[in-house]
């Protein structure tokens, strides 16, 4: 028996005034992306069949929580996959350039199609792993969500960072443990880790954000 797919209409936050107020003028672009992800994501294996019913809290607002921690300049989203957080951030921040880096061809194609469909034209999409595109990217900030532990991310992504760049990572409850385990790698790359609880709208659990900044 196949699992029944939920829809975005099942999400209690869909169309809410709180979400509209939080996103302000960027709401239409983010909404277009959320609707497309809810419609096509389960079929394309980008999100699970039940995820559209909790898309705003679990994916869109979770991604949006990164925004206050981003420094000025170019942002590279590593392992962009379904466009989380990269496409959400680009939709919220049209004046800044974003580079979405993804190794899987079918996901790269979906990122191209979704950026065109949603009018998110401030993204450049590269196929490859972080270490494979280092010569093509110099970022002031690197984002990543559910890609790898802090230790591995620093090793893979530090060649993409500008001399003053930082990493802003979406993490879970073990964030501080990951930072502790990566202490030698962080020291080698002159980075200091800090864990933040980032809120979005009332009633939604804060997102755990890890920032890795230059010493």
Protein backbone atom coordinates (compact mmCIF):
# COMPACT_ATOMS: atom_id res chain seq x y z
CA UNK A 1 0.00 0.00 0.00
CA UNK A 2 1.48 3.33 -1.07
CA UNK A 3 1.78 6.21 1.37
CA UNK A 4 -0.79 8.92 0.68
CA UNK A 5 0.74 12.22 -0.37
CA UNK A 6 -0.12 15.28 1.65
CA UNK A 7 -0.65 18.68 0.01
CA UNK A 8 0.39 22.20 0.90
CA UNK A 9 -3.26 22.94 1.74
CA UNK A 10 -2.83 20.56 4.70
CA UNK A 11 -0.14 22.82 6.18
CA UNK A 12 -1.70 25.06 8.87
CA UNK A 13 0.87 27.79 8.14
CA UNK A 14 0.07 27.97 4.43
CA UNK A 15 -1.28 31.43 3.65
CA UNK A 16 -1.05 32.55 7.27
CA UNK A 17 -0.72 36.24 8.10
CA UNK A 18 2.29 35.46 10.30
CA UNK A 19 4.22 33.97 7.38
CA UNK A 20 3.21 36.84 5.09
CA UNK A 21 4.33 39.42 7.64
CA UNK A 22 7.62 37.62 8.30
CA UNK A 23 8.53 37.46 4.59
CA UNK A 24 7.16 40.87 3.63
CA UNK A 25 7.71 41.85 -0.01
CA UNK A 26 9.54 38.59 -0.71
CA UNK A 27 6.48 36.48 0.11
CA UNK A 28 5.31 35.97 -3.52
CA UNK A 29 8.67 34.54 -4.62
CA UNK A 30 8.99 32.28 -1.59
CA UNK A 31 5.36 31.18 -1.99
CA UNK A 32 5.94 30.26 -5.64
CA UNK A 33 8.89 28.10 -4.64
CA UNK A 34 7.00 26.49 -1.73
CA UNK A 35 4.08 25.61 -4.01
CA UNK A 36 6.37 24.11 -6.64
CA UNK A 37 8.33 22.09 -4.08
CA UNK A 38 5.11 20.79 -2.50
CA UNK A 39 3.73 19.81 -5.90
CA UNK A 40 6.80 18.23 -7.47
CA UNK A 41 9.08 17.42 -4.53
CA UNK A 42 7.57 14.09 -3.43
CA UNK A 43 7.39 12.73 -6.98
CA UNK A 44 10.98 13.72 -7.71
CA UNK A 45 12.28 12.36 -4.41
CA UNK A 46 13.26 15.77 -3.06
CA UNK A 47 10.98 15.56 0.00
CA UNK A 48 8.86 12.81 1.52
CA UNK A 49 5.16 12.34 0.68
CA UNK A 50 4.05 13.75 4.04
CA UNK A 51 6.32 16.80 3.93
CA UNK A 52 3.97 19.20 2.06
CA UNK A 53 1.72 19.22 5.15
CA UNK A 54 4.56 20.70 7.22
CA UNK A 55 6.53 22.40 4.49
CA UNK A 56 6.50 25.93 5.88
CA UNK A 57 7.80 25.11 9.36
CA UNK A 58 10.08 22.21 8.56
CA UNK A 59 11.65 23.45 5.33
CA UNK A 60 10.84 27.03 4.30
CA UNK A 61 11.03 28.82 7.66
CA UNK A 62 13.81 26.49 8.74
CA UNK A 63 15.82 27.72 5.76
CA UNK A 64 14.81 31.36 6.26
CA UNK A 65 16.21 31.32 9.81
CA UNK A 66 19.73 31.43 8.33
CA UNK A 67 19.29 34.90 6.82
CA UNK A 68 20.26 37.09 9.84
CA UNK A 69 23.60 35.26 10.16
CA UNK A 70 24.78 35.82 6.57
CA UNK A 71 27.56 38.38 6.05
CA UNK A 72 27.57 40.67 3.03
CA UNK A 73 28.65 39.21 -0.30
CA UNK A 74 28.20 36.07 -2.36
CA UNK A 75 26.59 33.02 -0.76
CA UNK A 76 27.30 29.44 -1.88
CA UNK A 77 24.82 26.74 -0.87
CA UNK A 78 26.57 23.36 -0.84
CA UNK A 79 24.55 20.21 -1.52
CA UNK A 80 21.58 22.36 -2.44
CA UNK A 81 19.36 19.40 -3.35
CA UNK A 82 15.77 20.61 -3.17
CA UNK A 83 16.93 24.23 -2.90
CA UNK A 84 17.05 24.24 0.89
CA UNK A 85 18.20 26.64 2.13
CA UNK A 86 19.73 28.20 -1.01
CA UNK A 87 16.65 28.80 -3.15
CA UNK A 88 14.62 30.07 -0.19
CA UNK A 89 17.38 32.51 0.76
CA UNK A 90 17.77 33.69 -2.84
CA UNK A 91 14.02 34.29 -3.07
CA UNK A 92 14.17 36.35 0.14
CA UNK A 93 17.27 38.27 -0.90
CA UNK A 94 17.07 39.23 -4.61
CA UNK A 95 19.85 41.83 -4.45
CA UNK A 96 22.52 39.26 -3.54
CA UNK A 97 24.16 36.57 -5.72
CA UNK A 98 23.73 32.93 -4.71
CA UNK A 99 25.58 29.89 -6.05
CA UNK A 100 23.76 26.57 -5.67
CA UNK A 101 26.13 23.59 -5.76
CA UNK A 102 24.66 20.12 -6.26
CA UNK A 103 26.29 16.91 -7.59
CA UNK A 104 23.16 15.02 -8.75
CA UNK A 105 22.12 15.81 -12.32
CA UNK A 106 18.36 15.40 -11.83
CA UNK A 107 18.41 17.75 -8.85
CA UNK A 108 20.49 20.28 -10.76
CA UNK A 109 17.90 20.18 -13.54
CA UNK A 110 15.11 20.73 -11.04
CA UNK A 111 16.95 23.70 -9.53
CA UNK A 112 17.26 25.26 -13.00
CA UNK A 113 13.59 24.70 -13.72
CA UNK A 114 12.37 25.95 -10.35
CA UNK A 115 14.48 29.11 -10.49
CA UNK A 116 12.98 29.97 -13.88
CA UNK A 117 9.44 29.06 -12.85
CA UNK A 118 9.60 31.15 -9.66
CA UNK A 119 11.44 34.13 -11.12
CA UNK A 120 14.43 33.64 -8.82
CA UNK A 121 17.08 35.00 -11.17
CA UNK A 122 19.89 35.77 -8.73
CA UNK A 123 21.15 32.17 -8.60
CA UNK A 124 23.95 30.40 -10.44
CA UNK A 125 23.66 26.63 -10.39
CA UNK A 126 26.73 24.40 -10.60
CA UNK A 127 26.82 20.64 -10.86
CA UNK A 128 29.51 19.02 -8.74
CA UNK A 129 30.79 18.50 -5.24
CA UNK A 130 32.21 21.40 -3.28
CA UNK A 131 35.79 20.30 -3.80
CA UNK A 132 35.19 19.99 -7.57
CA UNK A 133 34.00 23.58 -8.09
CA UNK A 134 36.50 25.40 -5.88
CA UNK A 135 38.17 27.07 -8.88
CA UNK A 136 34.81 28.50 -10.00
CA UNK A 137 33.57 29.86 -6.68
CA UNK A 138 34.77 32.32 -4.08
CA UNK A 139 32.06 32.82 -1.47
CA UNK A 140 31.75 35.21 1.43
CA UNK A 141 29.40 32.73 3.10
CA UNK A 142 28.71 29.03 2.69
CA UNK A 143 25.44 27.44 3.72
CA UNK A 144 24.55 23.76 4.00
CA UNK A 145 21.64 21.72 5.34
CA UNK A 146 21.76 18.00 6.12
CA UNK A 147 24.93 17.48 4.07
CA UNK A 148 27.63 16.26 6.48
CA UNK A 149 29.16 16.79 9.91
CA UNK A 150 30.97 20.04 10.64
CA UNK A 151 34.40 18.39 10.38
CA UNK A 152 33.76 17.15 6.82
CA UNK A 153 32.04 20.33 5.70
CA UNK A 154 35.02 22.45 6.71
CA UNK A 155 37.44 20.17 4.84
CA UNK A 156 35.28 20.13 1.70
CA UNK A 157 34.17 23.75 1.65
CA UNK A 158 37.02 25.87 3.00
CA UNK A 159 38.63 26.14 -0.49
CA UNK A 160 35.46 27.97 -1.61
CA UNK A 161 35.62 30.58 1.15
CA UNK A 162 37.03 34.06 0.68
CA UNK A 163 39.83 35.01 3.12
CA UNK A 164 37.28 36.62 5.42
CA UNK A 165 34.42 34.24 4.65
CA UNK A 166 32.28 32.30 7.11
CA UNK A 167 30.08 29.22 7.13
CA UNK A 168 26.45 29.27 8.26
CA UNK A 169 25.09 25.77 8.73
CA UNK A 170 21.68 24.36 9.58
CA UNK A 171 22.16 21.74 12.28
CA UNK A 172 20.29 19.68 14.86
CA UNK A 173 20.58 19.04 18.58
CA UNK A 174 24.08 17.57 18.30
CA UNK A 175 25.50 20.81 16.88
CA UNK A 176 27.80 21.55 19.81
CA UNK A 177 29.10 17.96 19.81
CA UNK A 178 29.95 18.32 16.12
CA UNK A 179 31.86 21.52 16.83
CA UNK A 180 33.75 19.85 19.68
CA UNK A 181 34.69 16.88 17.50
CA UNK A 182 35.88 19.23 14.74
CA UNK A 183 38.11 21.37 16.99
CA UNK A 184 41.39 20.39 15.32
CA UNK A 185 40.00 20.95 11.83
CA UNK A 186 38.54 24.30 12.89
CA UNK A 187 41.86 25.36 14.38
CA UNK A 188 43.70 24.36 11.22
CA UNK A 189 41.39 26.50 9.08
CA UNK A 190 41.34 29.38 11.59
CA UNK A 191 37.62 29.04 12.27
CA UNK A 192 35.66 29.41 15.49
CA UNK A 193 32.30 27.68 15.90
CA UNK A 194 29.24 28.99 17.69
CA UNK A 195 25.72 27.57 18.11
CA UNK A 196 22.66 29.82 17.81
CA UNK A 197 18.95 29.30 18.28
CA UNK A 198 17.29 31.22 15.46
CA UNK A 199 13.60 32.07 15.65
CA UNK A 200 11.24 32.97 12.80
CA UNK A 201 7.54 33.31 13.71
CA UNK A 202 5.65 32.74 16.94
CA UNK A 203 4.73 29.13 17.57
CA UNK A 204 7.48 27.69 15.37
CA UNK A 205 10.42 26.00 17.07
CA UNK A 206 13.73 27.83 16.70
CA UNK A 207 16.22 26.54 14.19
CA UNK A 208 19.72 25.53 15.28
CA UNK A 209 22.28 27.48 13.26
CA UNK A 210 26.04 26.97 13.51
CA UNK A 211 28.32 29.81 12.45
CA UNK A 212 31.99 29.20 11.69
CA UNK A 213 33.87 32.49 11.50
CA UNK A 214 37.51 33.40 10.94
CA UNK A 215 39.64 33.93 14.01
